[in-house]
């Protein structure tokens, strides 16, 4: 069966227009005028950092490095940072040795799903009497699937 001439012209015109639009889109994408939307990385916010310091005490009952537990939180003036999932970030503790003898930081652990990537000053790290010049800097890694508000828990072992 033969298609009438009028219909054949309409289909040819529609095909030509579609092909022309496709060619224009490819040209605009090729020269960078049009871009496909990029997916934005997922993010997470560290709402709180909870520190636990495993330590002994001095004569007055105070810990070698002060409080055995403390938090970086909004209530303490901590501004919760937001990071891209999968990124590494830094956290620091400005420590002071209140004892009359030197002590050592032997190890640091963090809660899952975080990983400890590294420390500023290698461990074991000696801390001399009254030393407040070297903060313990930590580089923390996060998984690429981490999203939303999270709590980072850090345990510092000074007992060996």
Protein backbone atom coordinates (compact mmCIF):
# COMPACT_ATOMS: atom_id res chain seq x y z
CA UNK A 1 0.00 0.00 0.00
CA UNK A 2 1.36 3.37 -0.97
CA UNK A 3 1.38 6.30 1.50
CA UNK A 4 -0.30 9.40 0.05
CA UNK A 5 2.15 12.14 -0.95
CA UNK A 6 0.89 14.64 1.71
CA UNK A 7 1.52 12.25 4.59
CA UNK A 8 4.96 11.38 3.25
CA UNK A 9 5.90 15.07 3.21
CA UNK A 10 4.71 15.56 6.82
CA UNK A 11 6.72 12.57 8.06
CA UNK A 12 9.78 13.68 6.17
CA UNK A 13 9.46 17.19 7.63
CA UNK A 14 9.03 15.85 11.20
CA UNK A 15 12.02 13.54 10.78
CA UNK A 16 14.15 16.41 9.45
CA UNK A 17 13.15 18.71 12.35
CA UNK A 18 13.90 16.02 14.95
CA UNK A 19 17.25 15.29 13.37
CA UNK A 20 18.07 19.02 13.25
CA UNK A 21 17.19 19.49 16.96
CA UNK A 22 19.33 16.48 17.88
CA UNK A 23 22.30 17.82 15.89
CA UNK A 24 21.93 21.27 17.54
CA UNK A 25 21.82 19.74 21.03
CA UNK A 26 24.95 17.71 20.35
CA UNK A 27 26.75 20.79 19.00
CA UNK A 28 25.72 22.91 22.05
CA UNK A 29 26.86 20.16 24.43
CA UNK A 30 30.10 19.76 22.49
CA UNK A 31 31.03 23.45 22.71
CA UNK A 32 30.04 23.62 26.37
CA UNK A 33 27.02 25.87 25.97
CA UNK A 34 24.74 23.18 27.41
CA UNK A 35 25.76 20.91 30.26
CA UNK A 36 24.15 17.93 31.80
CA UNK A 37 23.36 18.51 35.49
CA UNK A 38 26.14 17.28 37.74
CA UNK A 39 25.15 15.33 40.80
CA UNK A 40 26.17 17.14 43.95
CA UNK A 41 28.09 15.09 46.51
CA UNK A 42 26.28 14.01 49.63
CA UNK A 43 27.31 15.73 52.83
CA UNK A 44 27.31 15.15 56.57
CA UNK A 45 27.50 17.50 59.55
CA UNK A 46 29.55 16.75 62.66
CA UNK A 47 27.04 17.90 65.29
CA UNK A 48 29.23 16.95 68.24
CA UNK A 49 32.70 15.60 69.03
CA UNK A 50 32.79 13.49 72.22
CA UNK A 51 36.22 13.04 73.74
CA UNK A 52 37.18 10.34 76.26
CA UNK A 53 40.66 10.59 77.77
CA UNK A 54 41.87 7.37 79.40
CA UNK A 55 44.24 8.72 82.06
CA UNK A 56 45.37 8.61 85.64
CA UNK A 57 44.89 11.34 88.25
CA UNK A 58 47.15 13.68 90.14
CA UNK A 59 47.11 14.17 93.95
CA UNK A 60 44.04 16.44 93.98
CA UNK A 61 42.01 13.93 91.92
CA UNK A 62 42.22 15.87 88.66
CA UNK A 63 43.14 13.94 85.50
CA UNK A 64 46.64 14.22 84.10
CA UNK A 65 45.15 16.12 81.16
CA UNK A 66 42.09 17.59 82.90
CA UNK A 67 38.60 16.22 82.37
CA UNK A 68 38.30 12.58 81.40
CA UNK A 69 35.28 13.32 79.20
CA UNK A 70 34.29 16.49 77.39
CA UNK A 71 32.39 17.47 74.26
CA UNK A 72 32.71 19.92 71.43
CA UNK A 73 29.06 20.90 71.01
CA UNK A 74 26.85 23.89 70.21
CA UNK A 75 26.42 24.44 73.95
CA UNK A 76 30.21 24.76 74.26
CA UNK A 77 30.43 27.18 71.31
CA UNK A 78 31.31 24.55 68.69
CA UNK A 79 30.07 25.46 65.22
CA UNK A 80 29.13 22.15 63.53
CA UNK A 81 31.08 21.83 60.27
CA UNK A 82 29.68 20.17 57.14
CA UNK A 83 31.89 18.01 54.93
CA UNK A 84 31.50 16.11 51.66
CA UNK A 85 30.93 12.39 52.23
CA UNK A 86 34.12 10.45 51.67
CA UNK A 87 36.30 13.43 52.63
CA UNK A 88 38.92 13.60 55.37
CA UNK A 89 38.83 16.37 57.94
CA UNK A 90 40.85 17.56 60.93
CA UNK A 91 40.03 17.76 64.64
CA UNK A 92 42.42 18.99 67.33
CA UNK A 93 42.67 18.80 71.10
CA UNK A 94 44.68 21.51 72.87
CA UNK A 95 46.05 19.35 75.68
CA UNK A 96 47.89 20.34 78.85
CA UNK A 97 49.81 17.97 81.12
CA UNK A 98 48.84 19.05 84.67
CA UNK A 99 50.93 16.36 86.37
CA UNK A 100 54.45 16.69 87.81
CA UNK A 101 55.79 13.94 85.55
CA UNK A 102 55.81 13.41 81.81
CA UNK A 103 53.10 11.28 80.20
CA UNK A 104 52.57 9.72 76.79
CA UNK A 105 49.66 9.49 74.39
CA UNK A 106 49.84 5.92 73.16
CA UNK A 107 46.87 5.56 70.83
CA UNK A 108 43.70 7.19 69.53
CA UNK A 109 40.55 5.48 68.30
CA UNK A 110 37.40 6.84 66.65
CA UNK A 111 33.91 5.39 66.38
CA UNK A 112 32.56 3.67 63.30
CA UNK A 113 31.95 4.62 60.49
CA UNK A 114 34.91 7.00 60.86
CA UNK A 115 38.55 5.99 60.50
CA UNK A 116 41.67 7.56 61.96
CA UNK A 117 43.77 8.51 58.94
CA UNK A 118 46.66 10.08 60.85
CA UNK A 119 47.87 12.21 63.71
CA UNK A 120 49.87 15.40 63.85
CA UNK A 121 52.85 14.24 65.88
CA UNK A 122 53.33 10.54 65.59
CA UNK A 123 52.19 8.20 68.33
CA UNK A 124 53.32 7.41 70.91
CA UNK A 125 53.53 11.13 71.62
CA UNK A 126 55.36 12.29 74.75
CA UNK A 127 53.77 15.17 76.65
CA UNK A 128 56.11 16.91 79.08
CA UNK A 129 55.15 18.60 82.34
CA UNK A 130 53.05 21.73 81.73
CA UNK A 131 53.24 21.25 77.94
CA UNK A 132 50.48 23.17 76.18
CA UNK A 133 52.32 24.01 72.98
CA UNK A 134 51.49 20.95 70.86
CA UNK A 135 47.84 20.18 70.22
CA UNK A 136 47.01 16.64 69.25
CA UNK A 137 45.84 16.95 65.65
CA UNK A 138 43.77 14.16 64.11
CA UNK A 139 42.87 13.51 60.50
CA UNK A 140 39.59 11.63 60.33
CA UNK A 141 38.27 9.79 57.26
CA UNK A 142 34.60 9.37 56.42
CA UNK A 143 32.84 6.85 54.16
CA UNK A 144 31.33 8.04 50.90
CA UNK A 145 27.89 6.87 52.03
CA UNK A 146 27.78 9.03 55.19
CA UNK A 147 24.97 11.61 55.30
CA UNK A 148 23.05 13.72 57.79
CA UNK A 149 24.03 14.81 61.29
CA UNK A 150 26.61 12.60 63.02
CA UNK A 151 28.50 12.38 66.32
CA UNK A 152 32.24 11.72 66.30
CA UNK A 153 33.58 9.85 69.35
CA UNK A 154 37.31 9.98 70.04
CA UNK A 155 39.12 7.96 72.72
CA UNK A 156 42.67 8.94 73.66
CA UNK A 157 44.71 6.30 75.52
CA UNK A 158 47.39 7.68 77.83
CA UNK A 159 47.68 4.57 80.02
CA UNK A 160 49.68 2.39 77.64
